[in-house]
């Protein structure tokens, strides 16, 4: 039975790590999308591309900036799953 609890703990850790790792990118996308929506509402420009391009650019920039941290988090998860230090 300890094997089942180990598997559940590993799945929980993997899901939590995935959420923590992707959260900064999603938060940046949400903030930039909200600001772009406010600008669109204020100016009366309702083209979808005007809101999409800044959001994608900000999310890609955040992904590039936080990629080393993301990889480090996943390496830690895999090491703990393999029983390493």
N, C-alpha and C. Protein backbone atom coordinates (compact mmCIF):
# COMPACT_ATOMS: atom_id res chain seq x y z
N UNK A 1 0.80 -1.20 0.00
CA UNK A 1 0.00 0.00 0.00
C UNK A 1 0.84 1.27 0.00
N UNK A 2 2.06 1.26 0.50
CA UNK A 2 2.86 2.48 0.45
C UNK A 2 3.13 2.94 -0.98
N UNK A 3 3.10 2.00 -1.92
CA UNK A 3 3.33 2.35 -3.31
C UNK A 3 2.22 3.26 -3.83
N UNK A 4 0.98 3.01 -3.41
CA UNK A 4 -0.14 3.85 -3.84
C UNK A 4 -0.01 5.26 -3.32
N UNK A 5 0.37 5.40 -2.07
CA UNK A 5 0.52 6.74 -1.50
C UNK A 5 1.68 7.49 -2.15
N UNK A 6 2.74 6.76 -2.52
CA UNK A 6 3.85 7.40 -3.23
C UNK A 6 3.41 7.91 -4.59
N UNK A 7 2.61 7.14 -5.29
CA UNK A 7 2.12 7.54 -6.60
C UNK A 7 1.19 8.75 -6.49
N UNK A 8 0.33 8.74 -5.51
CA UNK A 8 -0.59 9.87 -5.30
C UNK A 8 0.21 11.12 -4.95
N UNK A 9 1.20 10.98 -4.10
CA UNK A 9 2.04 12.12 -3.72
C UNK A 9 2.82 12.65 -4.93
N UNK A 10 3.32 11.76 -5.76
CA UNK A 10 4.04 12.17 -6.97
C UNK A 10 3.11 12.90 -7.93
N UNK A 11 1.90 12.41 -8.12
CA UNK A 11 0.94 13.07 -9.01
C UNK A 11 0.55 14.43 -8.45
N UNK A 12 0.36 14.52 -7.15
CA UNK A 12 0.04 15.81 -6.52
C UNK A 12 1.18 16.80 -6.70
N UNK A 13 2.39 16.34 -6.48
CA UNK A 13 3.56 17.22 -6.65
C UNK A 13 3.71 17.68 -8.10
N UNK A 14 3.45 16.78 -9.04
CA UNK A 14 3.57 17.13 -10.46
C UNK A 14 2.52 18.17 -10.85
N UNK A 15 1.30 17.98 -10.41
CA UNK A 15 0.25 18.95 -10.72
C UNK A 15 0.52 20.31 -10.07
N UNK A 16 0.93 20.29 -8.83
CA UNK A 16 1.23 21.54 -8.14
C UNK A 16 2.40 22.26 -8.79
N UNK A 17 3.44 21.52 -9.15
CA UNK A 17 4.58 22.13 -9.82
C UNK A 17 4.19 22.71 -11.17
N UNK A 18 3.35 22.01 -11.90
CA UNK A 18 2.89 22.52 -13.19
C UNK A 18 2.11 23.80 -13.06
N UNK A 19 1.26 23.88 -12.06
CA UNK A 19 0.47 25.10 -11.83
C UNK A 19 1.37 26.25 -11.41
N UNK A 20 2.31 25.98 -10.52
CA UNK A 20 3.22 27.03 -10.04
C UNK A 20 4.11 27.52 -11.18
N UNK A 21 4.54 26.62 -12.05
CA UNK A 21 5.45 27.00 -13.12
C UNK A 21 4.75 27.83 -14.19
N UNK A 22 3.52 27.50 -14.53
CA UNK A 22 2.84 28.20 -15.62
C UNK A 22 2.12 29.45 -15.13
N UNK A 23 1.93 29.60 -13.82
CA UNK A 23 1.18 30.73 -13.28
C UNK A 23 1.74 32.10 -13.67
N UNK A 24 3.05 32.34 -13.61
CA UNK A 24 3.54 33.67 -14.00
C UNK A 24 3.20 34.04 -15.44
N UNK A 25 3.31 33.08 -16.34
CA UNK A 25 3.00 33.34 -17.75
C UNK A 25 1.52 33.66 -17.91
N UNK A 26 0.67 32.91 -17.24
CA UNK A 26 -0.77 33.16 -17.35
C UNK A 26 -1.17 34.49 -16.72
N UNK A 27 -0.55 34.84 -15.60
CA UNK A 27 -0.86 36.12 -14.95
C UNK A 27 -0.47 37.28 -15.85
N UNK A 28 0.71 37.20 -16.47
CA UNK A 28 1.14 38.25 -17.39
C UNK A 28 0.17 38.35 -18.56
N UNK A 29 -0.24 37.21 -19.11
CA UNK A 29 -1.20 37.22 -20.21
C UNK A 29 -2.53 37.83 -19.80
N UNK A 30 -2.96 37.53 -18.60
CA UNK A 30 -4.22 38.10 -18.12
C UNK A 30 -4.13 39.61 -17.94
N UNK A 31 -3.04 40.07 -17.32
CA UNK A 31 -2.88 41.51 -17.07
C UNK A 31 -2.77 42.27 -18.39
N UNK A 32 -1.95 41.78 -19.30
CA UNK A 32 -1.78 42.48 -20.58
C UNK A 32 -3.08 42.42 -21.39
N UNK A 33 -3.77 41.30 -21.36
CA UNK A 33 -5.05 41.19 -22.06
C UNK A 33 -6.09 42.15 -21.50
N UNK A 34 -6.11 42.29 -20.18
CA UNK A 34 -7.04 43.22 -19.55
C UNK A 34 -6.71 44.66 -19.92
N UNK A 35 -5.43 45.01 -19.89
CA UNK A 35 -5.03 46.37 -20.27
C UNK A 35 -5.34 46.64 -21.75
N UNK A 36 -5.09 45.66 -22.60
CA UNK A 36 -5.40 45.83 -24.02
C UNK A 36 -6.91 45.99 -24.21
N UNK A 37 -7.69 45.25 -23.46
CA UNK A 37 -9.15 45.39 -23.54
C UNK A 37 -9.62 46.77 -23.10
N UNK A 38 -8.99 47.29 -22.05
CA UNK A 38 -9.34 48.64 -21.59
C UNK A 38 -8.98 49.68 -22.64
N UNK A 39 -7.81 49.53 -23.26
CA UNK A 39 -7.41 50.46 -24.32
C UNK A 39 -8.36 50.36 -25.51
N UNK A 40 -8.74 49.14 -25.86
CA UNK A 40 -9.68 48.97 -26.98
C UNK A 40 -11.02 49.61 -26.66
N UNK A 41 -11.48 49.44 -25.43
CA UNK A 41 -12.76 50.02 -25.05
C UNK A 41 -12.70 51.55 -25.04
N UNK A 42 -11.56 52.08 -24.61
CA UNK A 42 -11.42 53.53 -24.53
C UNK A 42 -11.29 54.17 -25.91
N UNK A 43 -10.64 53.46 -26.84
CA UNK A 43 -10.41 54.04 -28.16
C UNK A 43 -11.48 53.66 -29.17
N UNK A 44 -12.24 52.64 -28.88
CA UNK A 44 -13.27 52.19 -29.82
C UNK A 44 -12.74 51.28 -30.90
N UNK A 45 -11.48 50.87 -30.81
CA UNK A 45 -10.89 49.93 -31.77
C UNK A 45 -11.18 48.52 -31.26
N UNK A 46 -11.91 47.76 -32.05
CA UNK A 46 -12.31 46.42 -31.59
C UNK A 46 -11.78 45.32 -32.50
N UNK A 47 -10.55 45.45 -32.93
CA UNK A 47 -9.91 44.39 -33.71
C UNK A 47 -9.31 43.37 -32.75
N UNK A 48 -9.51 42.10 -33.03
CA UNK A 48 -8.99 41.06 -32.15
C UNK A 48 -7.47 41.02 -32.15
N UNK A 49 -6.87 41.32 -33.26
CA UNK A 49 -5.42 41.26 -33.37
C UNK A 49 -4.74 42.28 -32.46
N UNK A 50 -5.42 43.41 -32.20
CA UNK A 50 -4.87 44.45 -31.33
C UNK A 50 -4.73 43.93 -29.90
N UNK A 51 -5.61 43.09 -29.47
CA UNK A 51 -5.51 42.51 -28.13
C UNK A 51 -4.65 41.27 -28.09
N UNK A 52 -4.59 40.56 -29.20
CA UNK A 52 -3.87 39.28 -29.22
C UNK A 52 -2.36 39.46 -29.28
N UNK A 53 -1.89 40.34 -30.13
CA UNK A 53 -0.45 40.48 -30.34
C UNK A 53 0.29 40.92 -29.07
N UNK A 54 -0.15 41.97 -28.37
CA UNK A 54 0.57 42.33 -27.14
C UNK A 54 0.52 41.23 -26.08
N UNK A 55 -0.60 40.54 -25.99
CA UNK A 55 -0.73 39.45 -25.01
C UNK A 55 0.25 38.33 -25.33
N UNK A 56 0.31 37.93 -26.59
CA UNK A 56 1.24 36.86 -26.97
C UNK A 56 2.69 37.30 -26.79
N UNK A 57 3.00 38.53 -27.16
CA UNK A 57 4.37 39.03 -26.99
C UNK A 57 4.77 39.05 -25.52
N UNK A 58 3.89 39.50 -24.65
CA UNK A 58 4.20 39.54 -23.22
C UNK A 58 4.35 38.13 -22.64
N UNK A 59 3.51 37.22 -23.09
CA UNK A 59 3.59 35.85 -22.58
C UNK A 59 4.88 35.16 -23.05
N UNK A 60 5.25 35.39 -24.30
CA UNK A 60 6.51 34.81 -24.81
C UNK A 60 7.70 35.41 -24.08
N UNK A 61 7.67 36.73 -23.86
CA UNK A 61 8.76 37.37 -23.12
C UNK A 61 8.87 36.82 -21.70
N UNK A 62 7.74 36.64 -21.04
CA UNK A 62 7.76 36.09 -19.69
C UNK A 62 8.25 34.65 -19.70
N UNK A 63 7.87 33.91 -20.70
CA UNK A 63 8.33 32.52 -20.83
C UNK A 63 9.84 32.47 -20.99
N UNK A 64 10.38 33.34 -21.82
CA UNK A 64 11.83 33.37 -22.04
C UNK A 64 12.56 33.78 -20.75
N UNK A 65 12.02 34.76 -20.05
CA UNK A 65 12.65 35.23 -18.81
C UNK A 65 12.60 34.16 -17.72
N UNK A 66 11.49 33.48 -17.60
CA UNK A 66 11.33 32.53 -16.50
C UNK A 66 11.68 31.08 -16.86
N UNK A 67 12.13 30.84 -18.06
CA UNK A 67 12.44 29.47 -18.47
C UNK A 67 13.49 28.78 -17.60
N UNK A 68 14.60 29.45 -17.24
CA UNK A 68 15.56 28.75 -16.36
C UNK A 68 14.95 28.32 -15.03
N UNK A 69 14.13 29.17 -14.45
CA UNK A 69 13.47 28.82 -13.19
C UNK A 69 12.51 27.65 -13.38
N UNK A 70 11.78 27.66 -14.51
CA UNK A 70 10.83 26.57 -14.79
C UNK A 70 11.56 25.24 -14.93
N UNK A 71 12.66 25.25 -15.66
CA UNK A 71 13.43 24.02 -15.85
C UNK A 71 13.97 23.53 -14.51
N UNK A 72 14.44 24.45 -13.68
CA UNK A 72 14.96 24.08 -12.37
C UNK A 72 13.89 23.42 -11.51
N UNK A 73 12.68 23.96 -11.54
CA UNK A 73 11.58 23.38 -10.77
C UNK A 73 11.27 21.95 -11.23
N UNK A 74 11.23 21.75 -12.55
CA UNK A 74 10.93 20.42 -13.06
C UNK A 74 12.07 19.44 -12.81
N UNK A 75 13.31 19.90 -12.86
CA UNK A 75 14.44 19.02 -12.54
C UNK A 75 14.34 18.58 -11.09
N UNK A 76 13.99 19.50 -10.19
CA UNK A 76 13.80 19.14 -8.78
C UNK A 76 12.71 18.11 -8.61
N UNK A 77 11.61 18.28 -9.36
CA UNK A 77 10.51 17.32 -9.29
C UNK A 77 10.96 15.95 -9.77
N UNK A 78 11.67 15.90 -10.89
CA UNK A 78 12.11 14.61 -11.43
C UNK A 78 13.14 13.94 -10.52
N UNK A 79 14.00 14.75 -9.92
CA UNK A 79 14.98 14.17 -8.99
C UNK A 79 14.29 13.57 -7.77
N UNK A 80 13.30 14.26 -7.26
CA UNK A 80 12.59 13.73 -6.10
C UNK A 80 11.78 12.49 -6.49
N UNK A 81 11.28 12.45 -7.72
CA UNK A 81 10.53 11.28 -8.17
C UNK A 81 11.44 10.08 -8.35
N UNK A 82 12.68 10.34 -8.76
CA UNK A 82 13.64 9.24 -8.98
C UNK A 82 14.28 8.80 -7.67
N UNK A 83 14.04 9.54 -6.60
CA UNK A 83 14.60 9.17 -5.30
C UNK A 83 15.99 9.74 -5.09
N UNK A 84 16.42 10.64 -5.95
CA UNK A 84 17.73 11.27 -5.81
C UNK A 84 17.69 12.39 -4.81
N UNK A 85 18.82 13.06 -4.68
CA UNK A 85 18.90 14.17 -3.72
C UNK A 85 18.40 15.46 -4.29
